[in-house]
Amino acid sequence: RFKKTHNGAFPFYEPVGGGWRRGGGPASPPPTEDGSSTSGLLATVRDTPHGANSGRSHRVAGQNPDSKDELYWKTHSIGWRLVHRRALFLRRQRLSDSALAVGIFGVVLMVMETELSWSVYSKSSIYSLVLKSVISLSTFILVGLIIAYHCCEVKLYVNDIGAEDWRIAMTTERLALIALELVVVAIHPYPVGLLTYFQQTRPHVSRVASETELEIILALPMFLRLYLLGRAMMLHSRLFTDTASRSIGALNKIHFNTRFVGKTLMTTYPGTVLMIFSVSLWIVAAWGLHVCERHHNYRDLSSNYMEALWMVSVTFLSIGYGDVVPHTYCGRSICLLTGIMGAGCTVLVVAVVARKLELTRAEKHVHNFMMDSHISKRIKIAAANVLRETWLIYKHTKLSRERDHTRCRMHQRKLLLAIHQHALVVHPVNTSAKQYLTFLSSPPWNLPTSLPTPLQMQSLLYDVRSEVQGCRGELDSHIHTLEKHVEELREGFRSLMPLLSSTLSTQNSSIRHLLREREVKTESASRVEEG
């Protein structure tokens, strides 16, 4: 919505120099940075292309300044910044998606060219030259998209802090990360064989081998472009796009980056994430190992891709049968990295399985309740056995006419066994109670490592509550006594006030009388001296 000026016309914007100026006329808001116009909001325009607060609005000649328009202009500057920020968010998301698509396209072309040049045509073929030229072109486009993405990020940072110069955002860390990212995405196999194709001469065997090794070294790092997948997942994540989630994260000082989104996915879907990562690593590492080994005519790994996949899986799981081994430094490096990643994934799998096997909070409560009930029943049964054997011994020794020594000895043995069973059942409960009391009375630096069960803790907390209630009763009595003493002091002060007032009034009257007598004596003495 646009606010009319004092003459009833809508404001419009026209380019002046490097900025925009505002005048009365048809509504035409300034275009955004990507060329699209922003409708529905009054944009804040500036005389210079930099700065959030440096610009001033101008009027068309013949119009008087309006204070309401100026107030509206200042109030809606934050609105223009939010609109511009939203446009930058969408632009960054589109740039990330485009970079991911171009990067995956280049990786697919690289794999196709490597496989076709091995089995279909030679390295000096025109088809190989065309595919590698397309890979180089996609790499140049990807570098441009990465630069545009980081420019968009810098603009977002400048928009957030309200700075006037974009060079404030260019820190050493940001520059180093941008340079590293550009180096990673720029690595690709250049069009090998261009000179030999135009000269129509066949290169030497040593030169072909060196070019092949160089091509492999330049082709395998192209899989590092898959980091763009994590960036795209972050920008499309609901945690990142939801305004409420970002507000809560900002209040708690949480940065919504790729690491946070990865942790969230690992917490929510741990099994799926590990399975996808492991399978992808197996496929990529097996292909790289197969490519590294097949140029040296080693039949165990070069003849079949499944042999390389078997080698990678065995190395990933840290088994190492030794039936298949790599022979080149490239293959050994891939196996080394696979073993390191496999060790880390194995640890994560153990943690995920342990978490899955762990009882939930409700299940723990049910389990503890059942165990406590079982322990209570065992204690009751053991106590009942002791009482039963005691009664039977008394019956056969005191109440029966003829004493049966065999039965007495049998019940005595059963009595000792029942006492022993009762002690075994009760001892853990007493030990846990003592440990909990030690835990309550110990200083923080000398706490025990084990805690009692929930039922034992409940009984001990009941005892502690009883003690606290007793102490509270004593404290209430002391407070009541103190209130009585305070009331007595208050009554004493109240009775003291009239006494103090009467005493002070008496002293004041006597002092006044003495002062009057002194004045009279002084006047009489002065009269005598004058006479």
Protein backbone atom coordinates (compact mmCIF):
# COMPACT_ATOMS: atom_id res chain seq x y z
CA ARG A 1 0.00 0.00 0.00
CA PHE A 2 1.21 3.49 -0.86
CA LYS A 3 0.48 6.65 1.01
CA LYS A 4 -0.78 9.61 -0.97
CA THR A 5 1.06 12.91 -0.87
CA HIS A 6 -0.53 16.20 0.15
CA ASN A 7 -1.92 16.78 -3.35
CA GLY A 8 -3.58 13.35 -3.54
CA ALA A 9 -1.09 11.75 -5.93
CA PHE A 10 0.82 8.57 -5.30
CA PRO A 11 4.59 8.81 -4.93
CA PHE A 12 6.82 7.47 -7.68
CA TYR A 13 10.57 6.88 -8.01
CA GLU A 14 12.83 7.92 -10.81
CA PRO A 15 16.57 7.28 -11.25
CA VAL A 16 18.83 10.21 -10.44
CA GLY A 17 22.57 9.65 -10.67
CA GLY A 18 23.42 6.52 -8.71
CA GLY A 19 20.19 6.41 -6.68
CA TRP A 20 16.46 7.13 -6.76
CA ARG A 21 14.36 10.16 -5.93
CA ARG A 22 10.72 10.31 -4.90
CA GLY A 23 7.96 12.44 -6.33
CA GLY A 24 4.20 12.58 -6.65
CA GLY A 25 2.56 10.58 -9.39
CA PRO A 26 1.64 7.00 -10.26
CA ALA A 27 2.76 4.37 -7.79
CA SER A 28 5.96 2.74 -8.99
CA PRO A 29 8.17 1.28 -6.25
CA PRO A 30 11.89 0.89 -6.94
CA PRO A 31 13.05 -2.41 -8.37
CA THR A 32 14.93 -4.91 -6.29
CA GLU A 33 18.49 -5.96 -6.91
CA ASP A 34 17.55 -8.80 -9.23
CA GLY A 35 15.38 -6.57 -11.41
CA SER A 36 11.94 -7.43 -10.01
CA SER A 37 9.77 -4.66 -8.58
CA THR A 38 8.60 -4.74 -4.99
CA SER A 39 4.85 -4.13 -4.81
CA GLY A 40 2.78 -3.61 -1.72
CA LEU A 41 5.47 -1.91 0.35
CA LEU A 42 6.96 1.55 0.34
CA ALA A 43 10.70 1.16 -0.24
CA THR A 44 13.37 3.32 1.23
CA VAL A 45 15.49 4.81 -1.54
CA ARG A 46 18.84 6.48 -1.27
CA ASP A 47 20.91 8.95 -3.22
CA THR A 48 23.95 6.66 -3.15
CA PRO A 49 24.13 2.93 -3.85
CA HIS A 50 25.67 2.28 -0.42
CA GLY A 51 24.31 2.56 3.07
CA ALA A 52 21.13 1.95 4.93
CA ASN A 53 20.78 5.44 6.45
CA SER A 54 22.89 7.70 4.22
CA GLY A 55 20.23 8.55 1.63
CA ARG A 56 17.67 11.33 1.76
CA SER A 57 14.45 11.61 -0.19
CA HIS A 58 13.86 14.40 -2.69
CA ARG A 59 10.71 16.05 -3.93
CA VAL A 60 9.68 17.08 -7.38
CA ALA A 61 10.00 20.82 -7.95
CA GLY A 62 6.93 22.71 -6.90
CA GLN A 63 5.94 20.45 -3.99
CA ASN A 64 6.17 21.47 -0.36
CA PRO A 65 7.79 19.13 2.19
CA ASP A 66 5.30 17.13 4.15
CA SER A 67 6.19 16.14 7.74
CA LYS A 68 3.89 13.11 7.62
CA ASP A 69 5.60 11.83 4.48
CA GLU A 70 9.00 12.26 6.10
CA LEU A 71 7.86 10.34 9.20
CA TYR A 72 6.41 7.62 6.98
CA TRP A 73 9.67 7.56 5.05
CA LYS A 74 11.78 7.02 8.17
CA THR A 75 9.39 4.48 9.68
CA HIS A 76 9.39 2.22 6.61
CA SER A 77 13.17 2.09 6.12
CA ILE A 78 13.26 -1.12 8.14
CA GLY A 79 10.50 -2.48 5.90
CA TRP A 80 12.62 -1.95 2.79
CA ARG A 81 15.56 -3.69 4.48
CA LEU A 82 13.37 -6.69 5.30
CA VAL A 83 12.07 -6.87 1.74
CA HIS A 84 15.61 -6.65 0.40
CA ARG A 85 16.74 -9.32 2.86
CA ARG A 86 13.95 -11.65 1.74
CA ALA A 87 14.95 -11.17 -1.89
CA LEU A 88 18.58 -11.94 -1.03
CA PHE A 89 17.50 -15.10 0.79
CA LEU A 90 15.62 -16.36 -2.26
CA ARG A 91 18.46 -15.40 -4.55
CA ARG A 92 21.00 -17.24 -2.40
CA GLN A 93 18.79 -20.33 -2.41
CA ARG A 94 18.53 -20.26 -6.21
CA LEU A 95 22.28 -19.80 -6.58
CA SER A 96 22.95 -22.76 -4.29
CA ASP A 97 20.55 -24.98 -6.24
CA SER A 98 22.11 -23.95 -9.54
CA ALA A 99 25.62 -24.58 -8.23
CA LEU A 100 24.60 -28.03 -7.00
CA ALA A 101 23.04 -28.92 -10.35
CA VAL A 102 26.09 -27.73 -12.30
CA GLY A 103 28.48 -29.51 -9.93
CA ILE A 104 26.65 -32.84 -10.18
CA PHE A 105 26.44 -32.41 -13.95
CA GLY A 106 30.22 -31.99 -14.12
CA VAL A 107 30.80 -35.06 -11.93
CA VAL A 108 28.49 -37.19 -14.10
CA LEU A 109 30.27 -36.02 -17.27
CA MET A 110 33.64 -36.81 -15.71
CA VAL A 111 32.55 -40.37 -14.85
CA MET A 112 31.11 -40.87 -18.34
CA GLU A 113 34.25 -39.57 -20.04
CA THR A 114 36.53 -41.72 -17.88
CA GLU A 115 34.60 -44.91 -18.60
CA LEU A 116 34.11 -44.19 -22.31
CA SER A 117 37.75 -43.27 -22.87
CA TRP A 118 38.77 -46.59 -21.32
CA SER A 119 36.54 -48.92 -23.33
CA VAL A 120 35.03 -47.04 -26.31
CA TYR A 121 37.49 -44.45 -27.64
CA SER A 122 40.99 -43.19 -26.89
CA LYS A 123 42.11 -40.10 -25.02
CA SER A 124 42.99 -38.30 -28.25
CA SER A 125 39.53 -38.76 -29.73
CA ILE A 126 37.31 -35.84 -30.62
CA TYR A 127 34.59 -37.20 -28.31
CA SER A 128 36.95 -37.10 -25.34
CA LEU A 129 37.92 -33.55 -26.26
CA VAL A 130 34.28 -32.45 -26.48
CA LEU A 131 33.32 -34.01 -23.15
CA LYS A 132 36.31 -32.51 -21.36
CA SER A 133 35.58 -29.13 -22.90
CA VAL A 134 32.01 -29.34 -21.59
CA ILE A 135 33.41 -30.29 -18.16
CA SER A 136 35.69 -27.23 -18.26
CA LEU A 137 32.77 -25.01 -19.28
CA SER A 138 30.61 -26.36 -16.42
CA THR A 139 33.52 -25.76 -14.05
CA PHE A 140 33.79 -22.11 -15.13
CA ILE A 141 30.04 -21.68 -14.66
CA LEU A 142 30.28 -23.32 -11.23
CA VAL A 143 33.07 -20.95 -10.19
CA GLY A 144 30.93 -18.00 -11.25
CA LEU A 145 27.95 -19.33 -9.29
CA ILE A 146 30.12 -19.81 -6.19
CA ILE A 147 31.39 -16.22 -6.47
CA ALA A 148 27.82 -14.94 -6.88
CA TYR A 149 26.71 -17.00 -3.87
CA HIS A 150 29.38 -15.48 -1.63
CA CYS A 151 28.57 -11.99 -2.93
CA CYS A 152 24.96 -12.61 -1.92
CA GLU A 153 26.10 -13.75 1.51
CA VAL A 154 28.18 -10.58 1.93
CA LYS A 155 25.16 -8.47 0.96
CA LEU A 156 23.06 -10.30 3.52
CA TYR A 157 25.65 -9.64 6.21
CA VAL A 158 25.83 -5.95 5.29
CA ASN A 159 22.02 -5.78 5.32
CA ASP A 160 21.84 -7.40 8.75
CA ILE A 161 24.37 -5.11 10.43
CA GLY A 162 23.30 -1.99 8.52
CA ALA A 163 26.81 -1.23 7.30
CA GLU A 164 27.65 1.10 4.42
CA ASP A 165 30.75 -0.63 3.08
CA TRP A 166 30.81 -4.27 1.98
CA ARG A 167 34.52 -4.53 2.75
CA ILE A 168 33.66 -4.69 6.46
CA ALA A 169 32.38 -8.23 5.94
CA MET A 170 35.53 -9.41 4.14
CA THR A 171 37.45 -10.88 7.06
CA THR A 172 40.53 -13.04 6.74
CA GLU A 173 38.62 -16.18 7.64
CA ARG A 174 35.92 -15.50 5.05
CA LEU A 175 38.50 -14.81 2.34
CA ALA A 176 40.37 -18.02 3.18
CA LEU A 177 37.17 -20.09 3.02
CA ILE A 178 36.17 -18.53 -0.31
CA ALA A 179 39.62 -19.19 -1.77
CA LEU A 180 39.58 -22.80 -0.54
CA GLU A 181 36.12 -23.38 -2.00
CA LEU A 182 37.13 -21.92 -5.35
CA VAL A 183 40.21 -24.12 -5.48
CA VAL A 184 38.12 -27.22 -4.68
CA VAL A 185 35.50 -26.57 -7.37
CA ALA A 186 38.09 -25.49 -9.97
CA ILE A 187 39.90 -28.85 -10.02
CA HIS A 188 38.88 -30.85 -13.07
CA PRO A 189 40.56 -32.82 -15.88
CA TYR A 190 41.56 -30.36 -18.56
CA PRO A 191 41.14 -31.29 -22.25
CA VAL A 192 44.07 -33.68 -22.57
CA GLY A 193 45.16 -34.53 -26.12
CA LEU A 194 44.24 -31.19 -27.69
CA LEU A 195 47.69 -30.66 -29.19
CA THR A 196 48.03 -34.27 -30.37
CA TYR A 197 44.59 -34.18 -32.01
CA PHE A 198 45.41 -31.18 -34.14
CA GLN A 199 48.89 -32.45 -34.97
CA GLN A 200 47.45 -35.94 -35.73
CA THR A 201 50.45 -37.59 -34.15
CA ARG A 202 50.39 -40.36 -31.62
CA PRO A 203 52.13 -39.53 -28.31
CA HIS A 204 54.73 -41.73 -26.68
CA VAL A 205 53.75 -44.41 -24.20
CA SER A 206 55.40 -42.65 -21.28
CA ARG A 207 53.59 -39.43 -22.12
CA VAL A 208 50.26 -41.25 -22.33
CA ALA A 209 50.89 -42.82 -18.93
CA SER A 210 51.76 -39.47 -17.35
CA GLU A 211 48.70 -37.80 -18.87
CA THR A 212 46.49 -40.63 -17.64
CA GLU A 213 47.81 -40.39 -14.10
CA LEU A 214 47.37 -36.62 -14.15
CA GLU A 215 43.81 -37.05 -15.39
CA ILE A 216 43.00 -39.45 -12.57
CA ILE A 217 44.53 -37.09 -10.01
CA LEU A 218 42.40 -34.23 -11.37
CA ALA A 219 39.22 -36.31 -11.77
CA LEU A 220 38.91 -37.86 -8.32
CA PRO A 221 38.84 -34.51 -6.39
CA MET A 222 35.73 -33.56 -8.37
CA PHE A 223 33.74 -35.69 -5.91
CA LEU A 224 34.49 -32.99 -3.32
CA ARG A 225 31.85 -30.90 -5.08
CA LEU A 226 29.25 -32.99 -3.28
CA TYR A 227 29.64 -30.65 -0.30
CA LEU A 228 27.21 -28.42 -2.20
CA LEU A 229 24.54 -31.00 -1.36
CA GLY A 230 24.91 -30.22 2.34
CA ARG A 231 24.62 -26.49 1.66
CA ALA A 232 21.47 -26.99 -0.41
CA MET A 233 19.96 -29.18 2.31
CA MET A 234 20.67 -26.45 4.86
CA LEU A 235 19.05 -23.72 2.76
CA HIS A 236 15.97 -25.88 2.10
CA SER A 237 15.68 -27.14 5.67
CA ARG A 238 12.55 -26.21 7.58
CA LEU A 239 14.67 -25.13 10.53
CA PHE A 240 16.46 -22.62 8.30
CA THR A 241 13.45 -21.30 6.38
CA ASP A 242 10.97 -21.12 9.27
CA THR A 243 10.85 -17.66 10.83
CA ALA A 244 9.80 -18.96 14.26
CA SER A 245 12.69 -21.43 14.39
CA ARG A 246 15.20 -18.76 13.39
CA SER A 247 13.81 -16.38 16.01
CA ILE A 248 14.10 -18.98 18.76
CA GLY A 249 17.60 -19.85 17.58
CA ALA A 250 18.62 -16.19 17.60
CA LEU A 251 17.33 -15.77 21.15
CA ASN A 252 19.37 -18.82 22.23
CA LYS A 253 22.43 -17.73 20.20
CA ILE A 254 22.24 -20.73 17.86
CA HIS A 255 23.72 -20.37 14.38
CA PHE A 256 21.73 -22.21 11.71
CA ASN A 257 24.56 -23.58 9.60
CA THR A 258 25.29 -26.87 7.87
CA ARG A 259 26.73 -28.37 11.03
CA PHE A 260 23.56 -27.67 13.03
CA VAL A 261 21.31 -29.10 10.29
CA GLY A 262 23.54 -32.18 10.05
CA LYS A 263 23.34 -32.73 13.80
CA THR A 264 19.57 -32.38 13.64
CA LEU A 265 19.30 -34.97 10.87
CA MET A 266 21.68 -37.29 12.73
CA THR A 267 19.55 -36.97 15.86
CA THR A 268 16.24 -37.43 14.04
CA TYR A 269 17.18 -40.06 11.43
CA PRO A 270 20.50 -41.60 12.57
CA GLY A 271 20.12 -44.95 10.82
CA THR A 272 19.06 -43.46 7.48
CA VAL A 273 21.85 -40.87 7.46
CA LEU A 274 24.54 -43.44 8.29
CA MET A 275 23.26 -45.90 5.71
CA ILE A 276 23.17 -43.29 2.92
CA PHE A 277 26.62 -41.98 3.84
CA SER A 278 28.18 -45.45 4.04
CA VAL A 279 26.69 -46.69 0.76
CA SER A 280 27.68 -43.50 -1.06
CA LEU A 281 31.21 -43.74 0.29
CA TRP A 282 31.46 -47.39 -0.78
CA ILE A 283 30.32 -46.63 -4.34
CA VAL A 284 32.59 -43.60 -4.83
CA ALA A 285 35.64 -45.21 -3.21
CA ALA A 286 35.18 -48.45 -5.18
CA TRP A 287 34.97 -46.55 -8.46
CA GLY A 288 38.07 -44.50 -7.63
CA LEU A 289 40.00 -47.63 -6.63
CA HIS A 290 38.92 -49.39 -9.82
CA VAL A 291 40.05 -46.43 -11.96
CA CYS A 292 43.39 -46.13 -10.17
CA GLU A 293 44.24 -49.83 -10.51
CA ARG A 294 43.05 -50.59 -14.03
CA HIS A 295 45.68 -48.42 -15.74
CA HIS A 296 48.42 -50.69 -14.38
CA ASN A 297 46.98 -54.01 -15.62
CA TYR A 298 46.39 -55.59 -12.21
CA ARG A 299 43.77 -58.23 -12.86
CA ASP A 300 42.47 -58.56 -9.32
CA LEU A 301 41.03 -55.03 -9.10
CA SER A 302 40.97 -53.82 -12.70
CA SER A 303 39.03 -56.69 -14.21
CA ASN A 304 35.84 -56.27 -12.20
CA TYR A 305 34.20 -53.37 -10.38
CA MET A 306 32.75 -55.79 -7.82
CA GLU A 307 36.27 -56.76 -6.73
CA ALA A 308 36.99 -53.12 -5.94
CA LEU A 309 33.67 -52.84 -4.10
CA TRP A 310 34.59 -55.93 -2.06
CA MET A 311 37.97 -54.43 -1.25
CA VAL A 312 36.40 -51.15 -0.11
CA SER A 313 33.73 -52.85 2.03
CA VAL A 314 36.30 -55.07 3.75
CA THR A 315 38.55 -52.08 4.42
CA PHE A 316 35.59 -49.98 5.60
CA LEU A 317 34.60 -52.62 8.14
CA SER A 318 38.24 -52.99 9.34
CA ILE A 319 38.33 -56.71 8.49
CA GLY A 320 41.14 -56.92 5.95
CA TYR A 321 41.17 -60.48 4.62
CA GLY A 322 44.15 -59.80 2.35
CA ASP A 323 42.79 -61.64 -0.68
CA VAL A 324 42.67 -58.37 -2.68
CA VAL A 325 45.24 -55.60 -2.21
CA PRO A 326 45.91 -52.29 -4.01
CA HIS A 327 49.18 -51.86 -5.91
CA THR A 328 49.26 -48.15 -6.74
CA TYR A 329 49.72 -45.20 -4.43
CA CYS A 330 46.38 -43.81 -5.58
CA GLY A 331 44.58 -47.03 -4.62
CA ARG A 332 46.41 -47.24 -1.30
CA SER A 333 45.46 -43.65 -0.48
CA ILE A 334 41.81 -44.42 -1.22
CA CYS A 335 41.95 -47.53 1.00
CA LEU A 336 43.55 -45.49 3.79
CA LEU A 337 40.84 -42.83 3.67
CA THR A 338 38.18 -45.54 3.49
CA GLY A 339 39.55 -47.20 6.62
CA ILE A 340 39.57 -43.91 8.53
CA MET A 341 35.99 -43.11 7.50
CA GLY A 342 34.95 -46.68 8.31
CA ALA A 343 36.34 -46.43 11.84
CA GLY A 344 34.37 -43.23 12.43
CA CYS A 345 31.18 -44.67 10.97
CA THR A 346 31.58 -47.83 13.08
CA VAL A 347 31.71 -45.72 16.23
CA LEU A 348 28.59 -43.84 15.13
CA VAL A 349 26.80 -47.11 14.37
CA VAL A 350 27.61 -48.43 17.85
CA ALA A 351 26.27 -45.20 19.39
CA VAL A 352 23.09 -45.36 17.31
CA VAL A 353 22.47 -49.03 18.17
CA ALA A 354 23.07 -48.32 21.86
CA ARG A 355 20.57 -45.46 21.69
CA LYS A 356 18.01 -47.67 19.98
CA LEU A 357 18.43 -50.43 22.58
CA GLU A 358 18.18 -47.99 25.47
CA LEU A 359 14.86 -47.84 27.29
CA THR A 360 12.79 -44.72 27.03
CA ARG A 361 11.88 -42.69 30.09
CA ALA A 362 8.42 -44.25 30.41
CA GLU A 363 9.84 -47.74 29.91
CA LYS A 364 12.45 -47.06 32.58
CA HIS A 365 9.75 -46.01 35.03
CA VAL A 366 7.73 -49.16 34.33
CA HIS A 367 10.82 -51.37 34.61
CA ASN A 368 11.90 -49.76 37.90
CA PHE A 369 8.38 -50.10 39.30
CA MET A 370 8.26 -53.80 38.41
CA MET A 371 11.71 -54.42 39.87
CA ASP A 372 10.82 -52.58 43.08
CA SER A 373 7.61 -54.58 43.38
CA HIS A 374 9.58 -57.79 42.85
CA ILE A 375 12.09 -56.80 45.54
CA SER A 376 9.29 -55.95 47.97
CA LYS A 377 7.69 -59.36 47.37
CA ARG A 378 11.02 -61.11 47.91
CA ILE A 379 11.52 -59.28 51.20
CA LYS A 380 8.02 -60.23 52.38
CA ILE A 381 8.51 -63.88 51.34
CA ALA A 382 11.89 -64.07 53.11
CA ALA A 383 10.44 -62.55 56.30
CA ALA A 384 7.46 -64.93 56.13
CA ASN A 385 9.83 -67.92 55.77
CA VAL A 386 11.76 -66.81 58.86
CA LEU A 387 8.55 -66.49 60.87
CA ARG A 388 7.24 -69.84 59.60
CA GLU A 389 10.41 -71.77 60.51
CA THR A 390 10.53 -70.06 63.91
CA TRP A 391 6.94 -71.08 64.58
CA LEU A 392 7.58 -74.67 63.47
CA ILE A 393 10.64 -74.94 65.72
CA TYR A 394 8.60 -73.61 68.64
CA LYS A 395 5.76 -76.01 67.78
CA HIS A 396 7.96 -79.11 67.68
CA THR A 397 9.96 -78.19 70.79
CA LYS A 398 7.42 -76.63 73.13
CA LEU A 399 3.91 -77.65 72.05
CA SER A 400 4.36 -81.27 70.98
CA ARG A 401 4.31 -83.99 73.60
CA GLU A 402 7.01 -86.02 71.95
CA ARG A 403 9.98 -84.02 70.69
CA ASP A 404 11.12 -85.00 67.20
CA HIS A 405 14.81 -84.13 66.95
CA THR A 406 14.96 -84.84 63.23
CA ARG A 407 12.20 -82.36 62.46
CA CYS A 408 13.74 -79.78 64.81
CA ARG A 409 17.12 -79.99 63.09
CA MET A 410 15.46 -79.77 59.65
CA HIS A 411 13.50 -76.63 60.62
CA GLN A 412 16.59 -75.14 62.24
CA ARG A 413 18.49 -75.58 58.98
CA LYS A 414 15.59 -74.04 57.09
CA LEU A 415 15.50 -71.17 59.60
CA LEU A 416 19.18 -70.42 59.07
CA LEU A 417 18.70 -70.58 55.31
CA ALA A 418 15.67 -68.25 55.52
CA ILE A 419 17.63 -65.78 57.66
CA HIS A 420 20.46 -65.87 55.15
CA GLN A 421 18.06 -65.31 52.23
CA HIS A 422 16.42 -62.42 54.07
CA ALA A 423 19.80 -60.83 54.68
CA LEU A 424 20.74 -61.21 51.01
CA VAL A 425 17.51 -59.53 49.92
CA VAL A 426 17.62 -56.69 52.45
CA HIS A 427 21.35 -55.96 52.19
CA PRO A 428 21.26 -54.22 48.76
CA VAL A 429 18.42 -51.99 49.93
CA ASN A 430 20.31 -50.95 53.05
CA THR A 431 23.48 -50.41 51.04
CA SER A 432 21.65 -48.17 48.59
CA ALA A 433 20.11 -46.21 51.46
CA LYS A 434 23.53 -45.69 53.03
CA GLN A 435 24.96 -44.63 49.69
CA TYR A 436 22.20 -42.10 49.20
CA LEU A 437 22.70 -40.70 52.70
CA THR A 438 26.40 -40.48 51.96
CA PHE A 439 25.54 -38.73 48.72
CA LEU A 440 23.43 -36.16 50.59
CA SER A 441 26.01 -35.54 53.30
CA SER A 442 29.14 -35.59 51.13
CA PRO A 443 30.73 -32.43 49.71
CA PRO A 444 30.55 -31.86 45.96
CA TRP A 445 34.15 -32.96 45.41
CA ASN A 446 33.67 -36.31 47.19
CA LEU A 447 30.43 -37.69 45.76
CA PRO A 448 29.84 -41.43 45.30
CA THR A 449 29.60 -42.85 41.80
CA SER A 450 26.47 -45.03 42.29
CA LEU A 451 22.93 -43.98 43.22
CA PRO A 452 20.01 -45.92 44.70
CA THR A 453 16.99 -47.15 42.81
CA PRO A 454 13.94 -44.89 42.40
CA LEU A 455 11.94 -46.73 45.12
CA GLN A 456 14.80 -46.45 47.59
CA MET A 457 15.26 -42.83 46.67
CA GLN A 458 11.54 -42.26 47.22
CA SER A 459 11.67 -43.77 50.71
CA LEU A 460 14.78 -41.82 51.58
CA LEU A 461 13.23 -38.62 50.29
CA TYR A 462 10.21 -39.36 52.49
CA ASP A 463 12.52 -39.61 55.51
CA VAL A 464 14.24 -36.40 54.55
CA ARG A 465 10.86 -34.71 54.14
CA SER A 466 9.84 -35.89 57.61
CA GLU A 467 13.03 -34.44 59.06
CA VAL A 468 12.46 -31.19 57.20
CA GLN A 469 8.90 -31.02 58.51
CA GLY A 470 10.18 -31.54 62.07
CA CYS A 471 12.75 -28.81 61.63
CA ARG A 472 10.03 -26.63 60.17
CA GLY A 473 7.89 -27.12 63.28
CA GLU A 474 10.78 -26.09 65.50
CA LEU A 475 11.45 -23.11 63.26
CA ASP A 476 7.78 -22.08 63.45
CA SER A 477 7.89 -22.20 67.26
CA HIS A 478 11.03 -20.08 67.32
CA ILE A 479 9.46 -17.59 64.94
CA HIS A 480 6.32 -17.44 67.11
CA THR A 481 8.44 -16.75 70.19
CA LEU A 482 10.34 -14.07 68.30
CA GLU A 483 7.07 -12.44 67.25
CA LYS A 484 5.98 -12.33 70.90
CA HIS A 485 9.20 -10.61 71.90
CA VAL A 486 8.85 -8.13 69.06
CA GLU A 487 5.27 -7.38 70.15
CA GLU A 488 6.45 -6.80 73.73
CA LEU A 489 9.13 -4.43 72.49
CA ARG A 490 6.54 -2.60 70.43
CA GLU A 491 4.27 -2.17 73.48
CA GLY A 492 7.24 -0.96 75.52
CA PHE A 493 8.08 1.64 72.91
CA ARG A 494 4.47 2.75 72.82
CA SER A 495 4.38 3.24 76.61
CA LEU A 496 7.76 4.95 76.50
CA MET A 497 6.62 7.68 74.12
CA PRO A 498 4.24 9.52 76.57
CA LEU A 499 6.86 9.31 79.31
CA LEU A 500 9.49 10.79 77.04
CA SER A 501 7.14 13.56 75.90
CA SER A 502 6.19 14.50 79.48
CA THR A 503 9.82 14.46 80.58
CA LEU A 504 10.89 16.61 77.65
CA SER A 505 8.05 19.10 78.24
CA THR A 506 9.01 19.40 81.94
CA GLN A 507 12.64 19.96 81.05
CA ASN A 508 11.67 22.54 78.44
CA SER A 509 9.53 24.48 80.92
CA SER A 510 12.30 24.48 83.54
CA ILE A 511 14.86 25.60 80.97
CA ARG A 512 12.57 28.43 79.84
CA HIS A 513 12.06 29.51 83.45
CA LEU A 514 15.80 29.61 84.06
CA LEU A 515 16.36 31.59 80.89
CA ARG A 516 13.72 34.14 81.90
CA GLU A 517 15.25 34.56 85.37
CA ARG A 518 18.68 35.06 83.79
CA GLU A 519 17.27 37.71 81.44
CA VAL A 520 15.57 39.52 84.35
CA LYS A 521 18.80 39.56 86.36
CA THR A 522 20.70 40.84 83.39
CA GLU A 523 18.22 43.68 82.80
CA SER A 524 18.23 44.68 86.49
CA ALA A 525 22.02 44.69 86.57
CA SER A 526 22.16 46.88 83.47
CA ARG A 527 19.66 49.37 84.96
CA VAL A 528 21.69 49.60 88.19
CA GLU A 529 24.82 50.39 86.22
CA GLU A 530 23.04 53.08 84.21
CA GLY A 531 21.57 54.67 87.35
